[in-house]
Amino acid sequence: MDILLRDNYLQYRAIGGIFDLYFYTGPSPKDVVQQYVSSIGLPVMQQYWTFGFHQCRWGYNNISALENVVQNYKDANIPLETIWTDIDCNSRAFGADI
C-alpha cells in the first residue's frame, strides 16, 4: 500500500485488503486524544524498577567484577536500580565449558 500526501488531498493506493479508518473529530486536541484512548485503551503502567537508574555493559569476566561495579556506585552515592550484564556475561565467565 502506498499513502501519498498531495498538495490538496491524501491518496491511498492499495492492491487489496481491508481498510479500517477512524476519524477523531475533536473539537479540541485534548478531545481527540481522549477519543483515541477510548478506542485503544490506556497504556499499561511499567514496573516501578524500570524507571530507576540502569547500568549496562558487556565484557564482565566474573561475578566479582559485577560486585565491584555495584559497590563503586554505592561508594560514589550514585543511584543504581538495575545492573544489566548483557549477553556477554555467560557461563564461560563462571567457569563452565560450552
PDB file of N, CA and C in Angstrom:
ATOM      1  N   MET A   1       0.842  -1.172   0.000  1.00  0.00           N
ATOM      2  CA  MET A   1       0.000   0.000   0.000  1.00  0.00           C
ATOM      3  C   MET A   1       0.888   1.237   0.000  1.00  0.00           C
ATOM      4  N   ASP A   2       0.491   2.190  -0.779  1.00  0.00           N
ATOM      5  CA  ASP A   2       1.155   3.490  -0.797  1.00  0.00           C
ATOM      6  C   ASP A   2       0.193   4.531  -0.246  1.00  0.00           C
ATOM      7  N   ILE A   3       0.723   5.434   0.533  1.00  0.00           N
ATOM      8  CA  ILE A   3      -0.036   6.587   1.004  1.00  0.00           C
ATOM      9  C   ILE A   3       0.718   7.814   0.517  1.00  0.00           C
ATOM     10  N   LEU A   4       0.076   8.573  -0.339  1.00  0.00           N
ATOM     11  CA  LEU A   4       0.717   9.737  -0.956  1.00  0.00           C
ATOM     12  C   LEU A   4       0.085  11.016  -0.434  1.00  0.00           C
ATOM     13  N   LEU A   5       0.920  11.904   0.047  1.00  0.00           N
ATOM     14  CA  LEU A   5       0.453  13.201   0.511  1.00  0.00           C
ATOM     15  C   LEU A   5       0.583  14.184  -0.642  1.00  0.00           C
ATOM     16  N   ARG A   6      -0.551  14.561  -1.201  1.00  0.00           N
ATOM     17  CA  ARG A   6      -0.587  15.518  -2.309  1.00  0.00           C
ATOM     18  C   ARG A   6      -0.837  16.916  -1.774  1.00  0.00           C
ATOM     19  N   ASP A   7      -0.786  17.899  -2.661  1.00  0.00           N
ATOM     20  CA  ASP A   7      -0.988  19.284  -2.230  1.00  0.00           C
ATOM     21  C   ASP A   7      -2.350  19.497  -1.574  1.00  0.00           C
ATOM     22  N   ASN A   8      -3.394  18.936  -2.170  1.00  0.00           N
ATOM     23  CA  ASN A   8      -4.750  19.204  -1.692  1.00  0.00           C
ATOM     24  C   ASN A   8      -5.459  17.979  -1.139  1.00  0.00           C
ATOM     25  N   TYR A   9      -4.821  16.834  -1.134  1.00  0.00           N
ATOM     26  CA  TYR A   9      -5.505  15.627  -0.671  1.00  0.00           C
ATOM     27  C   TYR A   9      -4.503  14.545  -0.277  1.00  0.00           C
ATOM     28  N   LEU A  10      -5.027  13.511   0.363  1.00  0.00           N
ATOM     29  CA  LEU A  10      -4.257  12.341   0.766  1.00  0.00           C
ATOM     30  C   LEU A  10      -4.737  11.177  -0.086  1.00  0.00           C
ATOM     31  N   GLN A  11      -3.826  10.503  -0.769  1.00  0.00           N
ATOM     32  CA  GLN A  11      -4.202   9.429  -1.690  1.00  0.00           C
ATOM     33  C   GLN A  11      -3.712   8.086  -1.153  1.00  0.00           C
ATOM     34  N   TYR A  12      -4.634   7.130  -1.049  1.00  0.00           N
ATOM     35  CA  TYR A  12      -4.314   5.769  -0.656  1.00  0.00           C
ATOM     36  C   TYR A  12      -4.353   4.888  -1.905  1.00  0.00           C
ATOM     37  N   ARG A  13      -3.302   4.126  -2.142  1.00  0.00           N
ATOM     38  CA  ARG A  13      -3.287   3.167  -3.246  1.00  0.00           C
ATOM     39  C   ARG A  13      -2.975   1.801  -2.654  1.00  0.00           C
ATOM     40  N   ALA A  14      -3.939   0.896  -2.794  1.00  0.00           N
ATOM     41  CA  ALA A  14      -3.775  -0.431  -2.195  1.00  0.00           C
ATOM     42  C   ALA A  14      -4.079  -1.507  -3.223  1.00  0.00           C
ATOM     43  N   ILE A  15      -3.357  -2.615  -3.128  1.00  0.00           N
ATOM     44  CA  ILE A  15      -3.600  -3.761  -4.004  1.00  0.00           C
ATOM     45  C   ILE A  15      -4.798  -4.558  -3.506  1.00  0.00           C
ATOM     46  N   GLY A  16      -4.950  -4.649  -2.213  1.00  0.00           N
ATOM     47  CA  GLY A  16      -6.067  -5.388  -1.648  1.00  0.00           C
ATOM     48  C   GLY A  16      -6.054  -5.285  -0.138  1.00  0.00           C
ATOM     49  N   GLY A  17      -6.961  -5.986   0.515  1.00  0.00           N
ATOM     50  CA  GLY A  17      -7.023  -5.979   1.965  1.00  0.00           C
ATOM     51  C   GLY A  17      -8.214  -5.199   2.470  1.00  0.00           C
ATOM     52  N   ILE A  18      -8.216  -4.973   3.760  1.00  0.00           N
ATOM     53  CA  ILE A  18      -9.324  -4.298   4.425  1.00  0.00           C
ATOM     54  C   ILE A  18      -8.804  -3.012   5.060  1.00  0.00           C
ATOM     55  N   PHE A  19      -9.528  -1.939   4.850  1.00  0.00           N
ATOM     56  CA  PHE A  19      -9.198  -0.666   5.470  1.00  0.00           C
ATOM     57  C   PHE A  19     -10.113  -0.431   6.660  1.00  0.00           C
ATOM     58  N   ASP A  20      -9.549  -0.098   7.782  1.00  0.00           N
ATOM     59  CA  ASP A  20     -10.309   0.383   8.931  1.00  0.00           C
ATOM     60  C   ASP A  20      -9.830   1.797   9.200  1.00  0.00           C
ATOM     61  N   LEU A  21     -10.628   2.763   8.857  1.00  0.00           N
ATOM     62  CA  LEU A  21     -10.273   4.160   9.066  1.00  0.00           C
ATOM     63  C   LEU A  21     -11.067   4.710  10.242  1.00  0.00           C
ATOM     64  N   TYR A  22     -10.381   5.388  11.111  1.00  0.00           N
ATOM     65  CA  TYR A  22     -11.012   6.012  12.268  1.00  0.00           C
ATOM     66  C   TYR A  22     -10.751   7.505  12.192  1.00  0.00           C
ATOM     67  N   PHE A  23     -11.789   8.280  12.395  1.00  0.00           N
ATOM     68  CA  PHE A  23     -11.666   9.731  12.392  1.00  0.00           C
ATOM     69  C   PHE A  23     -12.065  10.248  13.766  1.00  0.00           C
ATOM     70  N   TYR A  24     -11.178  11.001  14.362  1.00  0.00           N
ATOM     71  CA  TYR A  24     -11.446  11.603  15.665  1.00  0.00           C
ATOM     72  C   TYR A  24     -11.618  13.092  15.429  1.00  0.00           C
ATOM     73  N   THR A  25     -12.821  13.569  15.690  1.00  0.00           N
ATOM     74  CA  THR A  25     -13.198  14.912  15.269  1.00  0.00           C
ATOM     75  C   THR A  25     -12.984  15.994  16.304  1.00  0.00           C
ATOM     76  N   GLY A  26     -12.634  15.636  17.494  1.00  0.00           N
ATOM     77  CA  GLY A  26     -12.316  16.654  18.491  1.00  0.00           C
ATOM     78  C   GLY A  26     -13.518  17.161  19.237  1.00  0.00           C
ATOM     79  N   PRO A  27     -13.723  18.408  19.370  1.00  0.00           N
ATOM     80  CA  PRO A  27     -13.236  19.532  18.582  1.00  0.00           C
ATOM     81  C   PRO A  27     -11.842  20.031  18.982  1.00  0.00           C
ATOM     82  N   SER A  28     -11.353  19.700  20.173  1.00  0.00           N
ATOM     83  CA  SER A  28     -10.035  20.189  20.590  1.00  0.00           C
ATOM     84  C   SER A  28      -9.022  19.039  20.529  1.00  0.00           C
ATOM     85  N   PRO A  29      -7.729  19.339  20.515  1.00  0.00           N
ATOM     86  CA  PRO A  29      -6.726  18.279  20.544  1.00  0.00           C
ATOM     87  C   PRO A  29      -6.886  17.354  21.750  1.00  0.00           C
ATOM     88  N   LYS A  30      -7.245  17.927  22.901  1.00  0.00           N
ATOM     89  CA  LYS A  30      -7.461  17.115  24.105  1.00  0.00           C
ATOM     90  C   LYS A  30      -8.599  16.124  23.880  1.00  0.00           C
ATOM     91  N   ASP A  31      -9.669  16.558  23.226  1.00  0.00           N
ATOM     92  CA  ASP A  31     -10.793  15.673  22.919  1.00  0.00           C
ATOM     93  C   ASP A  31     -10.378  14.570  21.956  1.00  0.00           C
ATOM     94  N   VAL A  32      -9.540  14.904  20.979  1.00  0.00           N
ATOM     95  CA  VAL A  32      -9.052  13.899  20.022  1.00  0.00           C
ATOM     96  C   VAL A  32      -8.273  12.808  20.759  1.00  0.00           C
ATOM     97  N   VAL A  33      -7.406  13.215  21.673  1.00  0.00           N
ATOM     98  CA  VAL A  33      -6.630  12.240  22.445  1.00  0.00           C
ATOM     99  C   VAL A  33      -7.562  11.377  23.282  1.00  0.00           C
ATOM    100  N   GLN A  34      -8.548  11.976  23.920  1.00  0.00           N
ATOM    101  CA  GLN A  34      -9.497  11.207  24.728  1.00  0.00           C
ATOM    102  C   GLN A  34     -10.287  10.227  23.872  1.00  0.00           C
ATOM    103  N   GLN A  35     -10.689  10.642  22.678  1.00  0.00           N
ATOM    104  CA  GLN A  35     -11.411   9.746  21.774  1.00  0.00           C
ATOM    105  C   GLN A  35     -10.520   8.591  21.317  1.00  0.00           C
ATOM    106  N   TYR A  36      -9.259   8.892  21.024  1.00  0.00           N
ATOM    107  CA  TYR A  36      -8.304   7.866  20.598  1.00  0.00           C
ATOM    108  C   TYR A  36      -8.070   6.849  21.715  1.00  0.00           C
ATOM    109  N   VAL A  37      -7.838   7.349  22.924  1.00  0.00           N
ATOM    110  CA  VAL A  37      -7.601   6.455  24.059  1.00  0.00           C
ATOM    111  C   VAL A  37      -8.839   5.617  24.364  1.00  0.00           C
ATOM    112  N   SER A  38     -10.012   6.172  24.162  1.00  0.00           N
ATOM    113  CA  SER A  38     -11.227   5.394  24.418  1.00  0.00           C
ATOM    114  C   SER A  38     -11.382   4.244  23.423  1.00  0.00           C
ATOM    115  N   SER A  39     -10.761   4.364  22.253  1.00  0.00           N
ATOM    116  CA  SER A  39     -10.866   3.281  21.273  1.00  0.00           C
ATOM    117  C   SER A  39      -9.752   2.244  21.403  1.00  0.00           C
ATOM    118  N   ILE A  40      -8.568   2.634  21.902  1.00  0.00           N
ATOM    119  CA  ILE A  40      -7.473   1.663  22.009  1.00  0.00           C
ATOM    120  C   ILE A  40      -7.174   1.255  23.436  1.00  0.00           C
ATOM    121  N   GLY A  41      -7.632   2.020  24.417  1.00  0.00           N
ATOM    122  CA  GLY A  41      -7.346   1.728  25.817  1.00  0.00           C
ATOM    123  C   GLY A  41      -6.131   2.496  26.315  1.00  0.00           C
ATOM    124  N   LEU A  42      -5.986   2.506  27.620  1.00  0.00           N
ATOM    125  CA  LEU A  42      -4.869   3.207  28.247  1.00  0.00           C
ATOM    126  C   LEU A  42      -3.619   2.337  28.230  1.00  0.00           C
ATOM    127  N   PRO A  43      -2.438   2.949  28.211  1.00  0.00           N
ATOM    128  CA  PRO A  43      -1.211   2.162  28.268  1.00  0.00           C
ATOM    129  C   PRO A  43      -1.056   1.492  29.633  1.00  0.00           C
ATOM    130  N   VAL A  44      -0.309   0.419  29.657  1.00  0.00           N
ATOM    131  CA  VAL A  44      -0.067  -0.317  30.891  1.00  0.00           C
ATOM    132  C   VAL A  44       1.028   0.392  31.682  1.00  0.00           C
ATOM    133  N   MET A  45       0.855   0.484  32.989  1.00  0.00           N
ATOM    134  CA  MET A  45       1.884   1.079  33.843  1.00  0.00           C
ATOM    135  C   MET A  45       3.093   0.153  33.889  1.00  0.00           C
ATOM    136  N   GLN A  46       4.273   0.728  33.735  1.00  0.00           N
ATOM    137  CA  GLN A  46       5.507  -0.053  33.789  1.00  0.00           C
ATOM    138  C   GLN A  46       5.839  -0.424  35.234  1.00  0.00           C
ATOM    139  N   GLN A  47       6.673  -1.458  35.383  1.00  0.00           N
ATOM    140  CA  GLN A  47       7.122  -1.828  36.710  1.00  0.00           C
ATOM    141  C   GLN A  47       7.930  -0.669  37.291  1.00  0.00           C
ATOM    142  N   TYR A  48       7.841  -0.498  38.599  1.00  0.00           N
ATOM    143  CA  TYR A  48       8.476   0.646  39.248  1.00  0.00           C
ATOM    144  C   TYR A  48       9.984   0.661  39.022  1.00  0.00           C
ATOM    145  N   TRP A  49      10.622  -0.500  39.066  1.00  0.00           N
ATOM    146  CA  TRP A  49      12.082  -0.540  38.936  1.00  0.00           C
ATOM    147  C   TRP A  49      12.563  -0.089  37.561  1.00  0.00           C
ATOM    148  N   THR A  50      11.711  -0.155  36.541  1.00  0.00           N
ATOM    149  CA  THR A  50      12.141   0.245  35.201  1.00  0.00           C
ATOM    150  C   THR A  50      12.365   1.753  35.082  1.00  0.00           C
ATOM    151  N   PHE A  51      11.827   2.523  36.014  1.00  0.00           N
ATOM    152  CA  PHE A  51      12.007   3.970  35.993  1.00  0.00           C
ATOM    153  C   PHE A  51      13.307   4.404  36.660  1.00  0.00           C
ATOM    154  N   GLY A  52      14.008   3.475  37.311  1.00  0.00           N
ATOM    155  CA  GLY A  52      15.215   3.809  38.049  1.00  0.00           C
ATOM    156  C   GLY A  52      16.442   3.909  37.162  1.00  0.00           C
ATOM    157  N   PHE A  53      17.587   4.055  37.786  1.00  0.00           N
ATOM    158  CA  PHE A  53      18.862   4.169  37.084  1.00  0.00           C
ATOM    159  C   PHE A  53      19.373   2.777  36.726  1.00  0.00           C
ATOM    160  N   HIS A  54      19.800   2.618  35.475  1.00  0.00           N
ATOM    161  CA  HIS A  54      20.298   1.338  34.975  1.00  0.00           C
ATOM    162  C   HIS A  54      21.734   1.505  34.507  1.00  0.00           C
ATOM    163  N   GLN A  55      22.503   0.440  34.625  1.00  0.00           N
ATOM    164  CA  GLN A  55      23.871   0.423  34.124  1.00  0.00           C
ATOM    165  C   GLN A  55      24.033  -0.854  33.317  1.00  0.00           C
ATOM    166  N   CYS A  56      24.625  -0.746  32.138  1.00  0.00           N
ATOM    167  CA  CYS A  56      24.765  -1.905  31.269  1.00  0.00           C
ATOM    168  C   CYS A  56      26.075  -1.821  30.501  1.00  0.00           C
ATOM    169  N   ARG A  57      26.744  -2.948  30.400  1.00  0.00           N
ATOM    170  CA  ARG A  57      27.897  -3.070  29.513  1.00  0.00           C
ATOM    171  C   ARG A  57      28.220  -4.538  29.355  1.00  0.00           C
ATOM    172  N   TRP A  58      28.983  -4.848  28.348  1.00  0.00           N
ATOM    173  CA  TRP A  58      29.378  -6.230  28.122  1.00  0.00           C
ATOM    174  C   TRP A  58      30.839  -6.391  28.523  1.00  0.00           C
ATOM    175  N   GLY A  59      31.272  -7.614  28.715  1.00  0.00           N
ATOM    176  CA  GLY A  59      32.676  -7.877  28.974  1.00  0.00           C
ATOM    177  C   GLY A  59      33.032  -8.163  30.420  1.00  0.00           C
ATOM    178  N   TYR A  60      32.060  -8.311  31.304  1.00  0.00           N
ATOM    179  CA  TYR A  60      32.381  -8.695  32.679  1.00  0.00           C
ATOM    180  C   TYR A  60      32.963 -10.104  32.678  1.00  0.00           C
ATOM    181  N   ASN A  61      34.046 -10.302  33.387  1.00  0.00           N
ATOM    182  CA  ASN A  61      34.698 -11.607  33.396  1.00  0.00           C
ATOM    183  C   ASN A  61      34.178 -12.528  34.483  1.00  0.00           C
ATOM    184  N   ASN A  62      33.659 -11.967  35.575  1.00  0.00           N
ATOM    185  CA  ASN A  62      33.151 -12.817  36.659  1.00  0.00           C
ATOM    186  C   ASN A  62      32.219 -12.002  37.548  1.00  0.00           C
ATOM    187  N   ILE A  63      31.651 -12.690  38.515  1.00  0.00           N
ATOM    188  CA  ILE A  63      30.679 -12.042  39.388  1.00  0.00           C
ATOM    189  C   ILE A  63      31.335 -10.992  40.289  1.00  0.00           C
ATOM    190  N   SER A  64      32.616 -11.180  40.584  1.00  0.00           N
ATOM    191  CA  SER A  64      33.332 -10.194  41.413  1.00  0.00           C
ATOM    192  C   SER A  64      33.397  -8.836  40.722  1.00  0.00           C
ATOM    193  N   ALA A  65      33.558  -8.847  39.401  1.00  0.00           N
ATOM    194  CA  ALA A  65      33.575  -7.595  38.651  1.00  0.00           C
ATOM    195  C   ALA A  65      32.243  -6.865  38.792  1.00  0.00           C
ATOM    196  N   LEU A  66      31.147  -7.618  38.749  1.00  0.00           N
ATOM    197  CA  LEU A  66      29.824  -7.007  38.921  1.00  0.00           C
ATOM    198  C   LEU A  66      29.667  -6.448  40.324  1.00  0.00           C
ATOM    199  N   GLU A  67      30.114  -7.203  41.309  1.00  0.00           N
ATOM    200  CA  GLU A  67      30.026  -6.731  42.692  1.00  0.00           C
ATOM    201  C   GLU A  67      30.836  -5.451  42.892  1.00  0.00           C
ATOM    202  N   ASN A  68      31.986  -5.362  42.241  1.00  0.00           N
ATOM    203  CA  ASN A  68      32.803  -4.147  42.341  1.00  0.00           C
ATOM    204  C   ASN A  68      32.101  -2.949  41.719  1.00  0.00           C
ATOM    205  N   VAL A  69      31.440  -3.160  40.587  1.00  0.00           N
ATOM    206  CA  VAL A  69      30.709  -2.062  39.939  1.00  0.00           C
ATOM    207  C   VAL A  69      29.597  -1.565  40.853  1.00  0.00           C
ATOM    208  N   VAL A  70      28.842  -2.496  41.416  1.00  0.00           N
ATOM    209  CA  VAL A  70      27.745  -2.108  42.310  1.00  0.00           C
ATOM    210  C   VAL A  70      28.295  -1.369  43.526  1.00  0.00           C
ATOM    211  N   GLN A  71      29.393  -1.854  44.093  1.00  0.00           N
ATOM    212  CA  GLN A  71      29.995  -1.196  45.254  1.00  0.00           C
ATOM    213  C   GLN A  71      30.504   0.198  44.909  1.00  0.00           C
ATOM    214  N   ASN A  72      31.089   0.354  43.723  1.00  0.00           N
ATOM    215  CA  ASN A  72      31.569   1.678  43.299  1.00  0.00           C
ATOM    216  C   ASN A  72      30.419   2.673  43.160  1.00  0.00           C
ATOM    217  N   TYR A  73      29.286   2.223  42.630  1.00  0.00           N
ATOM    218  CA  TYR A  73      28.109   3.095  42.563  1.00  0.00           C
ATOM    219  C   TYR A  73      27.689   3.507  43.967  1.00  0.00           C
ATOM    220  N   LYS A  74      27.679   2.518  44.871  1.00  0.00           N
ATOM    221  CA  LYS A  74      27.275   2.790  46.247  1.00  0.00           C
ATOM    222  C   LYS A  74      28.244   3.763  46.918  1.00  0.00           C
ATOM    223  N   ASP A  75      29.542   3.538  46.745  1.00  0.00           N
ATOM    224  CA  ASP A  75      30.557   4.408  47.352  1.00  0.00           C
ATOM    225  C   ASP A  75      30.466   5.839  46.829  1.00  0.00           C
ATOM    226  N   ALA A  76      30.127   5.989  45.550  1.00  0.00           N
ATOM    227  CA  ALA A  76      30.017   7.319  44.944  1.00  0.00           C
ATOM    228  C   ALA A  76      28.639   7.944  45.164  1.00  0.00           C
ATOM    229  N   ASN A  77      27.771   7.218  45.877  1.00  0.00           N
ATOM    230  CA  ASN A  77      26.414   7.693  46.161  1.00  0.00           C
ATOM    231  C   ASN A  77      25.638   7.984  44.880  1.00  0.00           C
ATOM    232  N   ILE A  78      25.795   7.093  43.882  1.00  0.00           N
ATOM    233  CA  ILE A  78      25.071   7.186  42.618  1.00  0.00           C
ATOM    234  C   ILE A  78      23.944   6.154  42.656  1.00  0.00           C
ATOM    235  N   PRO A  79      22.705   6.566  42.415  1.00  0.00           N
ATOM    236  CA  PRO A  79      21.605   5.598  42.444  1.00  0.00           C
ATOM    237  C   PRO A  79      21.789   4.529  41.375  1.00  0.00           C
ATOM    238  N   LEU A  80      21.440   3.306  41.710  1.00  0.00           N
ATOM    239  CA  LEU A  80      21.520   2.197  40.762  1.00  0.00           C
ATOM    240  C   LEU A  80      20.381   1.241  41.059  1.00  0.00           C
ATOM    241  N   GLU A  81      19.405   1.215  40.178  1.00  0.00           N
ATOM    242  CA  GLU A  81      18.247   0.345  40.359  1.00  0.00           C
ATOM    243  C   GLU A  81      18.503  -1.034  39.774  1.00  0.00           C
ATOM    244  N   THR A  82      19.173  -1.075  38.623  1.00  0.00           N
ATOM    245  CA  THR A  82      19.372  -2.329  37.902  1.00  0.00           C
ATOM    246  C   THR A  82      20.738  -2.332  37.257  1.00  0.00           C
ATOM    247  N   ILE A  83      21.384  -3.484  37.262  1.00  0.00           N
ATOM    248  CA  ILE A  83      22.623  -3.649  36.511  1.00  0.00           C
ATOM    249  C   ILE A  83      22.385  -4.776  35.513  1.00  0.00           C
ATOM    250  N   TRP A  84      22.664  -4.472  34.262  1.00  0.00           N
ATOM    251  CA  TRP A  84      22.473  -5.437  33.187  1.00  0.00           C
ATOM    252  C   TRP A  84      23.838  -6.003  32.803  1.00  0.00           C
ATOM    253  N   THR A  85      23.913  -7.301  32.699  1.00  0.00           N
ATOM    254  CA  THR A  85      25.188  -7.912  32.329  1.00  0.00           C
ATOM    255  C   THR A  85      25.268  -8.172  30.844  1.00  0.00           C
ATOM    256  N   ASP A  86      24.202  -7.878  30.127  1.00  0.00           N
ATOM    257  CA  ASP A  86      24.143  -8.046  28.692  1.00  0.00           C
ATOM    258  C   ASP A  86      24.409  -9.503  28.316  1.00  0.00           C
ATOM    259  N   ILE A  87      24.642  -9.771  27.062  1.00  0.00           N
ATOM    260  CA  ILE A  87      24.761 -11.152  26.605  1.00  0.00           C
ATOM    261  C   ILE A  87      26.134 -11.743  26.857  1.00  0.00           C
ATOM    262  N   ASP A  88      27.119 -10.907  27.180  1.00  0.00           N
ATOM    263  CA  ASP A  88      28.474 -11.407  27.328  1.00  0.00           C
ATOM    264  C   ASP A  88      28.750 -12.024  28.690  1.00  0.00           C
ATOM    265  N   CYS A  89      27.868 -11.837  29.645  1.00  0.00           N
ATOM    266  CA  CYS A  89      28.057 -12.449  30.953  1.00  0.00           C
ATOM    267  C   CYS A  89      27.444 -13.846  30.880  1.00  0.00           C
ATOM    268  N   ASN A  90      28.176 -14.774  30.284  1.00  0.00           N
ATOM    269  CA  ASN A  90      27.638 -16.108  30.020  1.00  0.00           C
ATOM    270  C   ASN A  90      28.319 -17.136  30.913  1.00  0.00           C
ATOM    271  N   SER A  91      28.015 -18.388  30.681  1.00  0.00           N
ATOM    272  CA  SER A  91      28.541 -19.447  31.538  1.00  0.00           C
ATOM    273  C   SER A  91      30.057 -19.584  31.441  1.00  0.00           C
ATOM    274  N   ARG A  92      30.685 -19.138  30.348  1.00  0.00           N
ATOM    275  CA  ARG A  92      32.142 -19.179  30.249  1.00  0.00           C
ATOM    276  C   ARG A  92      32.777 -18.318  31.339  1.00  0.00           C
ATOM    277  N   ALA A  93      32.103 -17.214  31.654  1.00  0.00           N
ATOM    278  CA  ALA A  93      32.647 -16.303  32.648  1.00  0.00           C
ATOM    279  C   ALA A  93      32.663 -16.916  34.035  1.00  0.00           C
ATOM    280  N   PHE A  94      31.836 -17.919  34.239  1.00  0.00           N
ATOM    281  CA  PHE A  94      31.741 -18.528  35.559  1.00  0.00           C
ATOM    282  C   PHE A  94      32.316 -19.926  35.603  1.00  0.00           C
ATOM    283  N   GLY A  95      33.173 -20.255  34.621  1.00  0.00           N
ATOM    284  CA  GLY A  95      33.931 -21.486  34.666  1.00  0.00           C
ATOM    285  C   GLY A  95      33.302 -22.680  33.976  1.00  0.00           C
ATOM    286  N   ALA A  96      32.138 -22.537  33.398  1.00  0.00           N
ATOM    287  CA  ALA A  96      31.527 -23.668  32.701  1.00  0.00           C
ATOM    288  C   ALA A  96      32.084 -23.763  31.292  1.00  0.00           C
ATOM    289  N   ASP A  97      32.170 -24.944  30.778  1.00  0.00           N
ATOM    290  CA  ASP A  97      32.694 -25.157  29.420  1.00  0.00           C
ATOM    291  C   ASP A  97      31.518 -25.297  28.466  1.00  0.00           C
ATOM    292  N   ILE A  98      31.482 -24.464  27.455  1.00  0.00           N
ATOM    293  CA  ILE A  98      30.365 -24.504  26.492  1.00  0.00           C
ATOM    294  C   ILE A  98      30.750 -25.363  25.314  1.00  0.00           C
TER     295      ILE A  98
END
